[in-house]
C-alpha cells in the first residue's frame, strides 16, 4: 500500500508539470454539454462612462464540434445583432454575424480574428474554441490568485501567424479546472489584456463563473460580464445554429 501512495504522488506531480494536460483538462470539462444563458454586459470607456447590454448565449460542444450563438437584445443600437461560430477539430473555425442595420448575414474572415466583437474588449479570436495542439503549453509553477492556489501555464502559438497574441498565460484552479485569470500579450510581448473571473459556484453540478471581466490594459477600457441566468444540458434546436436563424431570429 505504501508503494501505491508513492506512485500516486509521483503521477500527480508529473501531471501537474505538464502544461498541455492542464489546458486539455480545462477544455474537456465543456465536452458533451449544452448551455443557455442570459448575460448582462457592462462596457467601461477610458473616461469611466459605462454602457449596459443584455444578451443571450446558446452553446453546445460534442464530438469535437463546438457551436456558439450570441443574440443581443438591448440597447437599441445593438438589438437583434446575432453571431454564430462553428468550430470542428482539424478545420478552420467558421463565423458569421447578422447586423440589423445591414439586413444580411456576413461571413467573418479568419483575418478579422483580432477585430473587436461588437465594440467590446473581446475579439473574435477571444471567443474562438482554439485547439490545444495549435500551441506549445509550458507549466510555469504555482501562483496564488485572490487567495487561491493556481497552476500557471504559458501557451505560445506554434505558428506565430496563427494568433494575434505572442503568448497567453493561464492561471488554473486545479480542483475545478477553471481559469481564474488569463493574461494576453501583444506581438511586442507587452501585456495587452487581462481576463479575470469570480463568484464561482456550482449550478446543476457544473462549476460556473457568475462574473468575468476583460480589461484592455493599453486602452484603459473594459468589458464585464454578469451571469443572470444559466441552464445546462437542456436540448437546443439544431436550427438555432444556422445562418437562417441569424437572419430571421426564429428557430
Foldseek 3Di string as FASTA:
>chain_A
DVVVVVVVVVVVVVQLFAQLNLLVVLLVLQEAKKKKFKKWKWKAALVGDIDIWIKIKIWHHYPQKIKIKIATCDDPQQHLWMKIWIDHPPDDIWIWIDGVVVLAIDTDDPVQQQPDDVPAPHGVVNVDPDDSVQWRKGWDQWDDDPNAIWTKIKIAGPDNVNDQFRIKIFTARVVQSHTQKMWTAGPVRHGFKMKGFDPWDADPNHTDTQKMKIAGPVRNMIMIMGTDDMDMDDDDDPVCNDSVCSNVVDD
